[in-house]
Amino acid sequence: MSTGTPAIGRPRAFDEETVLARAAEVFWRHGYEGASLSALTGAMGINRPSLYATFGSKEELFQRAFARYHERQAAVARAALDQPTAYASVEAFLRSSADGLTAGDHPAGCLSIQGGLACSPENARISQVLAAGRAATEAALRERLTRAAREGDLPAGVDPQALARFVMALSEGHAVHAAAGASREELQASVDIALRVVALTPPGRP
């Protein structure tokens, strides 16, 4: 017989944002395939039943953790691309990327690269998710540079799509080097050269 008192759901024993951040770090350090369930649950501070009940599977956990990571990275990219000129936007994008790849509060490099650039066929969806994230960032770059071309803010003959691909290739290459131990100063030195190579001379500079 009902007492008329509504059932009270059991509160979660953990904060999802916190455990997703911890899971992301495990995937970041070990890659999707190298991240064992024991390593994940140990870092997250939860047991396997809680992991499956909340996230469904290891793959769904990865996708949730990567979506959280990518949204934060996208916010940094949007801020960089909001600069008033193409030169300033590319410089801000590359410099903020170099800073992020070598920040001390997470593993060096980029989850998008270390997470699963190469996966076995049964985990091909992971590589696809990561590729889609990188493609979205490149599309944002391409859109910004296309607008710059329309506004006459790119040197004559510069292809916005090719330039966006070049900038992304450099950023992704920096991720590999950062994971191998390259310093922030070394990455920023590469940015200095890249800005000269693309010849995006800002107003007032020779």
C-alpha atoms as a PDB file:
ATOM      1  CA  MET A   1       0.000   0.000   0.000  1.00  0.00           C
ATOM      2  CA  SER A   2       1.365   3.400  -0.982  1.00  0.00           C
ATOM      3  CA  THR A   3       1.984   5.985   1.717  1.00  0.00           C
ATOM      4  CA  GLY A   4       1.718   8.839  -0.785  1.00  0.00           C
ATOM      5  CA  THR A   5       5.353   9.766  -0.295  1.00  0.00           C
ATOM      6  CA  PRO A   6       7.235   9.956  -3.602  1.00  0.00           C
ATOM      7  CA  ALA A   7      10.261   7.735  -3.973  1.00  0.00           C
ATOM      8  CA  ILE A   8      13.542   9.532  -3.566  1.00  0.00           C
ATOM      9  CA  GLY A   9      16.187   8.540  -6.067  1.00  0.00           C
ATOM     10  CA  ARG A  10      19.577   7.583  -4.735  1.00  0.00           C
ATOM     11  CA  PRO A  11      22.076  10.403  -5.205  1.00  0.00           C
ATOM     12  CA  ARG A  12      25.088   9.730  -7.379  1.00  0.00           C
ATOM     13  CA  ALA A  13      28.107   8.695  -5.379  1.00  0.00           C
ATOM     14  CA  PHE A  14      30.422  10.654  -7.688  1.00  0.00           C
ATOM     15  CA  ASP A  15      30.603  13.825  -9.750  1.00  0.00           C
ATOM     16  CA  GLU A  16      30.376  13.016 -13.460  1.00  0.00           C
ATOM     17  CA  GLU A  17      32.548  15.934 -14.547  1.00  0.00           C
ATOM     18  CA  THR A  18      35.302  14.829 -12.216  1.00  0.00           C
ATOM     19  CA  VAL A  19      35.274  11.187 -13.281  1.00  0.00           C
ATOM     20  CA  LEU A  20      35.140  12.157 -16.969  1.00  0.00           C
ATOM     21  CA  ALA A  21      38.210  14.342 -16.486  1.00  0.00           C
ATOM     22  CA  ARG A  22      40.011  11.436 -14.816  1.00  0.00           C
ATOM     23  CA  ALA A  23      38.955   9.027 -17.550  1.00  0.00           C
ATOM     24  CA  ALA A  24      40.163  11.458 -20.212  1.00  0.00           C
ATOM     25  CA  GLU A  25      43.600  11.520 -18.602  1.00  0.00           C
ATOM     26  CA  VAL A  26      43.826   7.718 -18.661  1.00  0.00           C
ATOM     27  CA  PHE A  27      42.817   7.615 -22.330  1.00  0.00           C
ATOM     28  CA  TRP A  28      45.251  10.455 -22.999  1.00  0.00           C
ATOM     29  CA  ARG A  29      48.177   8.615 -21.421  1.00  0.00           C
ATOM     30  CA  HIS A  30      47.455   5.120 -22.717  1.00  0.00           C
ATOM     31  CA  GLY A  31      45.261   5.564 -25.794  1.00  0.00           C
ATOM     32  CA  TYR A  32      41.830   3.997 -26.120  1.00  0.00           C
ATOM     33  CA  GLU A  33      43.041   0.445 -26.598  1.00  0.00           C
ATOM     34  CA  GLY A  34      45.772   0.716 -23.964  1.00  0.00           C
ATOM     35  CA  ALA A  35      43.412   2.028 -21.283  1.00  0.00           C
ATOM     36  CA  SER A  36      42.261  -0.988 -19.280  1.00  0.00           C
ATOM     37  CA  LEU A  37      39.017  -1.022 -17.336  1.00  0.00           C
ATOM     38  CA  SER A  38      41.043  -1.486 -14.171  1.00  0.00           C
ATOM     39  CA  ALA A  39      43.077   1.639 -14.916  1.00  0.00           C
ATOM     40  CA  LEU A  40      39.933   3.591 -15.746  1.00  0.00           C
ATOM     41  CA  THR A  41      37.929   2.573 -12.691  1.00  0.00           C
ATOM     42  CA  GLY A  42      40.977   3.056 -10.465  1.00  0.00           C
ATOM     43  CA  ALA A  43      41.537   6.600 -11.714  1.00  0.00           C
ATOM     44  CA  MET A  44      37.829   7.441 -11.670  1.00  0.00           C
ATOM     45  CA  GLY A  45      37.347   6.048  -8.160  1.00  0.00           C
ATOM     46  CA  ILE A  46      34.316   3.970  -9.138  1.00  0.00           C
ATOM     47  CA  ASN A  47      33.655   0.284  -9.666  1.00  0.00           C
ATOM     48  CA  ARG A  48      32.806  -1.453 -12.928  1.00  0.00           C
ATOM     49  CA  PRO A  49      29.057  -1.701 -12.255  1.00  0.00           C
ATOM     50  CA  SER A  50      28.936   2.079 -11.702  1.00  0.00           C
ATOM     51  CA  LEU A  51      30.907   2.672 -14.899  1.00  0.00           C
ATOM     52  CA  TYR A  52      28.559   0.525 -16.964  1.00  0.00           C
ATOM     53  CA  ALA A  53      25.416   1.894 -15.267  1.00  0.00           C
ATOM     54  CA  THR A  54      26.434   5.505 -15.916  1.00  0.00           C
ATOM     55  CA  PHE A  55      28.296   5.359 -19.210  1.00  0.00           C
ATOM     56  CA  GLY A  56      27.138   2.107 -20.814  1.00  0.00           C
ATOM     57  CA  SER A  57      30.487   0.866 -22.110  1.00  0.00           C
ATOM     58  CA  LYS A  58      34.145   1.741 -22.420  1.00  0.00           C
ATOM     59  CA  GLU A  59      33.482   3.172 -25.890  1.00  0.00           C
ATOM     60  CA  GLU A  60      30.654   5.385 -24.661  1.00  0.00           C
ATOM     61  CA  LEU A  61      32.818   6.536 -21.766  1.00  0.00           C
ATOM     62  CA  PHE A  62      35.542   7.505 -24.217  1.00  0.00           C
ATOM     63  CA  GLN A  63      33.108   9.387 -26.415  1.00  0.00           C
ATOM     64  CA  ARG A  64      31.740  11.287 -23.413  1.00  0.00           C
ATOM     65  CA  ALA A  65      35.229  12.084 -22.141  1.00  0.00           C
ATOM     66  CA  PHE A  66      36.385  13.190 -25.593  1.00  0.00           C
ATOM     67  CA  ALA A  67      33.276  15.333 -26.157  1.00  0.00           C
ATOM     68  CA  ARG A  68      34.000  17.137 -22.875  1.00  0.00           C
ATOM     69  CA  TYR A  69      37.645  17.606 -23.873  1.00  0.00           C
ATOM     70  CA  HIS A  70      36.820  18.728 -27.411  1.00  0.00           C
ATOM     71  CA  GLU A  71      34.292  21.328 -26.262  1.00  0.00           C
ATOM     72  CA  ARG A  72      36.948  22.929 -24.100  1.00  0.00           C
ATOM     73  CA  GLN A  73      39.464  22.870 -26.932  1.00  0.00           C
ATOM     74  CA  ALA A  74      36.888  24.298 -29.321  1.00  0.00           C
ATOM     75  CA  ALA A  75      36.283  27.216 -26.956  1.00  0.00           C
ATOM     76  CA  VAL A  76      40.006  28.038 -27.014  1.00  0.00           C
ATOM     77  CA  ALA A  77      40.039  27.803 -30.813  1.00  0.00           C
ATOM     78  CA  ARG A  78      36.967  30.037 -31.128  1.00  0.00           C
ATOM     79  CA  ALA A  79      38.616  32.689 -28.971  1.00  0.00           C
ATOM     80  CA  ALA A  80      41.737  32.562 -31.148  1.00  0.00           C
ATOM     81  CA  LEU A  81      39.777  32.783 -34.391  1.00  0.00           C
ATOM     82  CA  ASP A  82      37.822  35.758 -33.072  1.00  0.00           C
ATOM     83  CA  GLN A  83      40.897  37.956 -33.540  1.00  0.00           C
ATOM     84  CA  PRO A  84      40.382  40.890 -35.933  1.00  0.00           C
ATOM     85  CA  THR A  85      42.795  39.768 -38.664  1.00  0.00           C
ATOM     86  CA  ALA A  86      43.797  36.513 -40.342  1.00  0.00           C
ATOM     87  CA  TYR A  87      47.374  36.924 -39.124  1.00  0.00           C
ATOM     88  CA  ALA A  88      46.279  37.490 -35.535  1.00  0.00           C
ATOM     89  CA  SER A  89      43.861  34.568 -35.704  1.00  0.00           C
ATOM     90  CA  VAL A  90      46.453  32.109 -37.028  1.00  0.00           C
ATOM     91  CA  GLU A  91      49.053  33.322 -34.557  1.00  0.00           C
ATOM     92  CA  ALA A  92      46.652  33.088 -31.612  1.00  0.00           C
ATOM     93  CA  PHE A  93      45.517  29.616 -32.706  1.00  0.00           C
ATOM     94  CA  LEU A  94      49.047  28.240 -33.021  1.00  0.00           C
ATOM     95  CA  ARG A  95      50.411  29.894 -29.896  1.00  0.00           C
ATOM     96  CA  SER A  96      47.495  28.861 -27.704  1.00  0.00           C
ATOM     97  CA  SER A  97      47.784  25.349 -29.125  1.00  0.00           C
ATOM     98  CA  ALA A  98      51.509  25.199 -28.285  1.00  0.00           C
ATOM     99  CA  ASP A  99      50.775  26.437 -24.778  1.00  0.00           C
ATOM    100  CA  GLY A 100      48.009  23.869 -24.279  1.00  0.00           C
ATOM    101  CA  LEU A 101      50.069  20.971 -25.612  1.00  0.00           C
ATOM    102  CA  THR A 102      52.778  21.640 -23.042  1.00  0.00           C
ATOM    103  CA  ALA A 103      50.644  22.707 -20.063  1.00  0.00           C
ATOM    104  CA  GLY A 104      51.574  21.035 -16.810  1.00  0.00           C
ATOM    105  CA  ASP A 105      48.081  20.143 -15.605  1.00  0.00           C
ATOM    106  CA  HIS A 106      47.536  17.255 -18.023  1.00  0.00           C
ATOM    107  CA  PRO A 107      49.603  14.806 -20.107  1.00  0.00           C
ATOM    108  CA  ALA A 108      51.710  16.429 -22.794  1.00  0.00           C
ATOM    109  CA  GLY A 109      50.290  16.476 -26.285  1.00  0.00           C
ATOM    110  CA  CYS A 110      46.663  16.130 -27.333  1.00  0.00           C
ATOM    111  CA  LEU A 111      43.952  13.606 -26.480  1.00  0.00           C
ATOM    112  CA  SER A 112      42.762  13.803 -30.085  1.00  0.00           C
ATOM    113  CA  ILE A 113      46.107  12.408 -31.254  1.00  0.00           C
ATOM    114  CA  GLN A 114      47.133  10.109 -28.404  1.00  0.00           C
ATOM    115  CA  GLY A 115      43.646   8.806 -27.799  1.00  0.00           C
ATOM    116  CA  GLY A 116      43.490   6.555 -30.813  1.00  0.00           C
ATOM    117  CA  LEU A 117      44.998   7.829 -34.033  1.00  0.00           C
ATOM    118  CA  ALA A 118      45.503   4.176 -34.986  1.00  0.00           C
ATOM    119  CA  CYS A 119      43.065   1.554 -33.718  1.00  0.00           C
ATOM    120  CA  SER A 120      42.357  -2.041 -34.597  1.00  0.00           C
ATOM    121  CA  PRO A 121      39.429  -2.589 -36.992  1.00  0.00           C
ATOM    122  CA  GLU A 122      36.998  -3.415 -34.188  1.00  0.00           C
ATOM    123  CA  ASN A 123      37.688   0.011 -32.654  1.00  0.00           C
ATOM    124  CA  ALA A 124      37.592   1.984 -35.891  1.00  0.00           C
ATOM    125  CA  ARG A 125      34.758   4.124 -34.491  1.00  0.00           C
ATOM    126  CA  ILE A 126      37.191   5.644 -31.996  1.00  0.00           C
ATOM    127  CA  SER A 127      39.513   6.821 -34.759  1.00  0.00           C
ATOM    128  CA  GLN A 128      36.482   8.206 -36.592  1.00  0.00           C
ATOM    129  CA  VAL A 129      35.322  10.171 -33.547  1.00  0.00           C
ATOM    130  CA  LEU A 130      38.765  11.707 -33.120  1.00  0.00           C
ATOM    131  CA  ALA A 131      39.069  12.477 -36.838  1.00  0.00           C
ATOM    132  CA  ALA A 132      35.676  14.191 -36.765  1.00  0.00           C
ATOM    133  CA  GLY A 133      36.836  16.387 -33.883  1.00  0.00           C
ATOM    134  CA  ARG A 134      39.949  17.448 -35.773  1.00  0.00           C
ATOM    135  CA  ALA A 135      37.904  18.036 -38.938  1.00  0.00           C
ATOM    136  CA  ALA A 136      35.538  20.321 -37.030  1.00  0.00           C
ATOM    137  CA  THR A 137      38.458  22.437 -35.843  1.00  0.00           C
ATOM    138  CA  GLU A 138      39.880  22.602 -39.356  1.00  0.00           C
ATOM    139  CA  ALA A 139      36.464  23.624 -40.699  1.00  0.00           C
ATOM    140  CA  ALA A 140      36.346  26.509 -38.215  1.00  0.00           C
ATOM    141  CA  LEU A 141      39.803  27.614 -39.361  1.00  0.00           C
ATOM    142  CA  ARG A 142      38.791  27.341 -43.006  1.00  0.00           C
ATOM    143  CA  GLU A 143      35.650  29.397 -42.408  1.00  0.00           C
ATOM    144  CA  ARG A 144      37.635  32.136 -40.667  1.00  0.00           C
ATOM    145  CA  LEU A 145      40.270  32.281 -43.410  1.00  0.00           C
ATOM    146  CA  THR A 146      37.656  32.204 -46.161  1.00  0.00           C
ATOM    147  CA  ARG A 147      36.050  35.242 -44.565  1.00  0.00           C
ATOM    148  CA  ALA A 148      39.473  36.896 -44.415  1.00  0.00           C
ATOM    149  CA  ALA A 149      39.953  36.239 -48.134  1.00  0.00           C
ATOM    150  CA  ARG A 150      36.586  37.835 -48.924  1.00  0.00           C
ATOM    151  CA  GLU A 151      37.563  40.870 -46.862  1.00  0.00           C
ATOM    152  CA  GLY A 152      40.922  41.219 -48.618  1.00  0.00           C
ATOM    153  CA  ASP A 153      42.762  40.237 -45.443  1.00  0.00           C
ATOM    154  CA  LEU A 154      44.804  37.427 -47.021  1.00  0.00           C
ATOM    155  CA  PRO A 155      47.715  37.928 -49.428  1.00  0.00           C
ATOM    156  CA  ALA A 156      46.711  37.469 -53.050  1.00  0.00           C
ATOM    157  CA  GLY A 157      46.851  33.859 -54.174  1.00  0.00           C
ATOM    158  CA  VAL A 158      46.613  32.294 -50.710  1.00  0.00           C
ATOM    159  CA  ASP A 159      44.123  29.399 -50.697  1.00  0.00           C
ATOM    160  CA  PRO A 160      42.121  29.518 -47.419  1.00  0.00           C
ATOM    161  CA  GLN A 161      41.496  25.769 -47.466  1.00  0.00           C
ATOM    162  CA  ALA A 162      45.167  24.906 -48.031  1.00  0.00           C
ATOM    163  CA  LEU A 163      46.219  27.387 -45.360  1.00  0.00           C
ATOM    164  CA  ALA A 164      43.758  25.908 -42.860  1.00  0.00           C
ATOM    165  CA  ARG A 165      45.147  22.437 -43.605  1.00  0.00           C
ATOM    166  CA  PHE A 166      48.716  23.713 -43.146  1.00  0.00           C
ATOM    167  CA  VAL A 167      47.890  25.293 -39.779  1.00  0.00           C
ATOM    168  CA  MET A 168      46.161  22.119 -38.581  1.00  0.00           C
ATOM    169  CA  ALA A 169      49.029  19.928 -39.795  1.00  0.00           C
ATOM    170  CA  LEU A 170      51.488  22.044 -37.833  1.00  0.00           C
ATOM    171  CA  SER A 171      49.331  21.965 -34.704  1.00  0.00           C
ATOM    172  CA  GLU A 172      48.861  18.198 -34.942  1.00  0.00           C
ATOM    173  CA  GLY A 173      52.574  17.701 -35.569  1.00  0.00           C
ATOM    174  CA  HIS A 174      53.284  19.791 -32.494  1.00  0.00           C
ATOM    175  CA  ALA A 175      51.056  17.431 -30.514  1.00  0.00           C
ATOM    176  CA  VAL A 176      53.233  14.489 -31.513  1.00  0.00           C
ATOM    177  CA  HIS A 177      56.426  16.351 -30.617  1.00  0.00           C
ATOM    178  CA  ALA A 178      55.012  17.594 -27.312  1.00  0.00           C
ATOM    179  CA  ALA A 179      54.108  14.030 -26.332  1.00  0.00           C
ATOM    180  CA  ALA A 180      57.709  13.059 -27.134  1.00  0.00           C
ATOM    181  CA  GLY A 181      59.052  15.760 -24.833  1.00  0.00           C
ATOM    182  CA  ALA A 182      59.339  18.948 -26.917  1.00  0.00           C
ATOM    183  CA  SER A 183      59.185  22.069 -24.765  1.00  0.00           C
ATOM    184  CA  ARG A 184      56.821  25.016 -25.066  1.00  0.00           C
ATOM    185  CA  GLU A 185      59.735  27.174 -26.217  1.00  0.00           C
ATOM    186  CA  GLU A 186      60.592  24.714 -28.994  1.00  0.00           C
ATOM    187  CA  LEU A 187      57.009  24.638 -30.248  1.00  0.00           C
ATOM    188  CA  GLN A 188      56.733  28.420 -30.137  1.00  0.00           C
ATOM    189  CA  ALA A 189      59.939  28.668 -32.190  1.00  0.00           C
ATOM    190  CA  SER A 190      58.209  26.543 -34.856  1.00  0.00           C
ATOM    191  CA  VAL A 191      55.255  28.921 -34.741  1.00  0.00           C
ATOM    192  CA  ASP A 192      57.624  31.850 -35.394  1.00  0.00           C
ATOM    193  CA  ILE A 193      58.861  30.127 -38.555  1.00  0.00           C
ATOM    194  CA  ALA A 194      55.369  29.144 -39.690  1.00  0.00           C
ATOM    195  CA  LEU A 195      54.125  32.700 -39.459  1.00  0.00           C
ATOM    196  CA  ARG A 196      56.962  33.811 -41.730  1.00  0.00           C
ATOM    197  CA  VAL A 197      56.359  30.950 -44.150  1.00  0.00           C
ATOM    198  CA  VAL A 198      52.683  31.704 -44.665  1.00  0.00           C
ATOM    199  CA  ALA A 199      53.596  35.381 -45.182  1.00  0.00           C
ATOM    200  CA  LEU A 200      50.543  36.691 -43.366  1.00  0.00           C
ATOM    201  CA  THR A 201      52.169  40.072 -42.820  1.00  0.00           C
ATOM    202  CA  PRO A 202      49.987  42.138 -40.464  1.00  0.00           C
ATOM    203  CA  PRO A 203      49.255  45.790 -41.244  1.00  0.00           C
ATOM    204  CA  GLY A 204      52.198  48.046 -40.477  1.00  0.00           C
ATOM    205  CA  ARG A 205      54.853  45.329 -40.717  1.00  0.00           C
ATOM    206  CA  PRO A 206      57.308  45.118 -43.632  1.00  0.00           C
END
